[in-house]
Amino acid sequence: MAVEYKGCRCYGRCIDALEFHHADSSGKDFSISEKGYTRRWSEVKEELDKCVLLYANRYQALHARVAASTGNRS
């Protein structure tokens, strides 16, 4: 549902290879991909509106660039 909400048309690619990235982490209330949490769909949509949908390799590359630029390589 979340992938469809963001408007992704993967054309047969693996949906498990997608990650939700908060463009501005200071406004992040929770991680979309956290497992085991039950939330109202309205809350999830609000959080999804803060995110972009990326393929996992691009998501990891983005986080590596941010970490390198801030000196935080955890």
C-alpha atoms as a PDB file:
ATOM      1  CA  MET A   1       0.000   0.000   0.000  1.00  0.00           C
ATOM      2  CA  ALA A   2       2.762   2.449   0.904  1.00  0.00           C
ATOM      3  CA  VAL A   3       4.592   1.856  -2.387  1.00  0.00           C
ATOM      4  CA  GLU A   4       1.379   2.373  -4.328  1.00  0.00           C
ATOM      5  CA  TYR A   5       0.630   5.518  -2.311  1.00  0.00           C
ATOM      6  CA  LYS A   6       3.994   6.989  -3.344  1.00  0.00           C
ATOM      7  CA  GLY A   7       3.104   6.251  -6.975  1.00  0.00           C
ATOM      8  CA  CYS A   8       5.831   3.741  -7.770  1.00  0.00           C
ATOM      9  CA  ARG A   9       5.399   1.789 -10.974  1.00  0.00           C
ATOM     10  CA  CYS A  10       8.161  -0.773 -10.692  1.00  0.00           C
ATOM     11  CA  TYR A  11       7.201  -2.740 -13.794  1.00  0.00           C
ATOM     12  CA  GLY A  12       8.048  -6.131 -12.374  1.00  0.00           C
ATOM     13  CA  ARG A  13      11.074  -5.154 -10.306  1.00  0.00           C
ATOM     14  CA  CYS A  14      11.424  -6.508  -6.791  1.00  0.00           C
ATOM     15  CA  ILE A  15       9.346  -4.468  -4.360  1.00  0.00           C
ATOM     16  CA  ASP A  16      11.593  -5.700  -1.515  1.00  0.00           C
ATOM     17  CA  ALA A  17      14.438  -3.672  -3.016  1.00  0.00           C
ATOM     18  CA  LEU A  18      12.704  -0.378  -2.213  1.00  0.00           C
ATOM     19  CA  GLU A  19      13.421   1.910   0.740  1.00  0.00           C
ATOM     20  CA  PHE A  20      11.621   4.964   2.076  1.00  0.00           C
ATOM     21  CA  HIS A  21      14.040   7.838   2.643  1.00  0.00           C
ATOM     22  CA  HIS A  22      13.178  10.856   4.772  1.00  0.00           C
ATOM     23  CA  ALA A  23      14.408  13.840   2.786  1.00  0.00           C
ATOM     24  CA  ASP A  24      14.668  15.852   6.021  1.00  0.00           C
ATOM     25  CA  SER A  25      15.431  13.572   8.955  1.00  0.00           C
ATOM     26  CA  SER A  26      14.709  16.333  11.476  1.00  0.00           C
ATOM     27  CA  GLY A  27      10.992  15.973  10.738  1.00  0.00           C
ATOM     28  CA  LYS A  28      10.998  12.178  10.994  1.00  0.00           C
ATOM     29  CA  ASP A  29       8.488  10.829  13.508  1.00  0.00           C
ATOM     30  CA  PHE A  30       9.063   7.135  12.784  1.00  0.00           C
ATOM     31  CA  SER A  31      10.621   4.808  10.219  1.00  0.00           C
ATOM     32  CA  ILE A  32       8.249   3.525   7.609  1.00  0.00           C
ATOM     33  CA  SER A  33       9.930   0.138   7.439  1.00  0.00           C
ATOM     34  CA  GLU A  34       9.884  -0.561  11.183  1.00  0.00           C
ATOM     35  CA  LYS A  35       8.356  -3.973  11.633  1.00  0.00           C
ATOM     36  CA  GLY A  36       5.942  -4.929  14.374  1.00  0.00           C
ATOM     37  CA  TYR A  37       4.317  -1.543  14.832  1.00  0.00           C
ATOM     38  CA  THR A  38       0.640  -0.962  14.162  1.00  0.00           C
ATOM     39  CA  ARG A  39      -0.300   2.532  13.073  1.00  0.00           C
ATOM     40  CA  ARG A  40      -3.338   4.165  11.574  1.00  0.00           C
ATOM     41  CA  TRP A  41      -3.102   4.506   7.802  1.00  0.00           C
ATOM     42  CA  SER A  42      -3.581   8.280   8.160  1.00  0.00           C
ATOM     43  CA  GLU A  43      -0.420   8.451  10.332  1.00  0.00           C
ATOM     44  CA  VAL A  44       1.542   6.351   7.861  1.00  0.00           C
ATOM     45  CA  LYS A  45       0.466   8.566   4.953  1.00  0.00           C
ATOM     46  CA  GLU A  46       1.611  11.683   6.839  1.00  0.00           C
ATOM     47  CA  GLU A  47       5.019  10.089   7.326  1.00  0.00           C
ATOM     48  CA  LEU A  48       5.157   8.873   3.715  1.00  0.00           C
ATOM     49  CA  ASP A  49       4.606  12.460   2.574  1.00  0.00           C
ATOM     50  CA  LYS A  50       7.992  13.256   4.144  1.00  0.00           C
ATOM     51  CA  CYS A  51       9.724  10.488   2.172  1.00  0.00           C
ATOM     52  CA  VAL A  52      11.002   9.647  -1.266  1.00  0.00           C
ATOM     53  CA  LEU A  53      11.029   6.079  -2.520  1.00  0.00           C
ATOM     54  CA  LEU A  54      14.422   4.782  -3.626  1.00  0.00           C
ATOM     55  CA  TYR A  55      15.908   1.467  -4.669  1.00  0.00           C
ATOM     56  CA  ALA A  56      18.040   0.051  -1.849  1.00  0.00           C
ATOM     57  CA  ASN A  57      21.388   0.539  -3.599  1.00  0.00           C
ATOM     58  CA  ARG A  58      20.618   4.190  -4.282  1.00  0.00           C
ATOM     59  CA  TYR A  59      19.377   4.629  -0.697  1.00  0.00           C
ATOM     60  CA  GLN A  60      22.636   3.181   0.687  1.00  0.00           C
ATOM     61  CA  ALA A  61      24.739   5.343  -1.639  1.00  0.00           C
ATOM     62  CA  LEU A  62      22.861   8.456  -0.506  1.00  0.00           C
ATOM     63  CA  HIS A  63      23.411   7.631   3.162  1.00  0.00           C
ATOM     64  CA  ALA A  64      27.103   6.963   2.522  1.00  0.00           C
ATOM     65  CA  ARG A  65      27.493  10.390   0.857  1.00  0.00           C
ATOM     66  CA  VAL A  66      25.695  12.122   3.737  1.00  0.00           C
ATOM     67  CA  ALA A  67      27.848  10.294   6.305  1.00  0.00           C
ATOM     68  CA  ALA A  68      31.031  11.185   4.417  1.00  0.00           C
ATOM     69  CA  SER A  69      30.056  14.846   4.197  1.00  0.00           C
ATOM     70  CA  THR A  70      29.277  15.069   7.910  1.00  0.00           C
ATOM     71  CA  GLY A  71      32.149  12.896   9.087  1.00  0.00           C
ATOM     72  CA  ASN A  72      29.695  10.415  10.639  1.00  0.00           C
ATOM     73  CA  ARG A  73      30.600   6.978   9.290  1.00  0.00           C
ATOM     74  CA  SER A  74      28.582   4.779  11.649  1.00  0.00           C
END
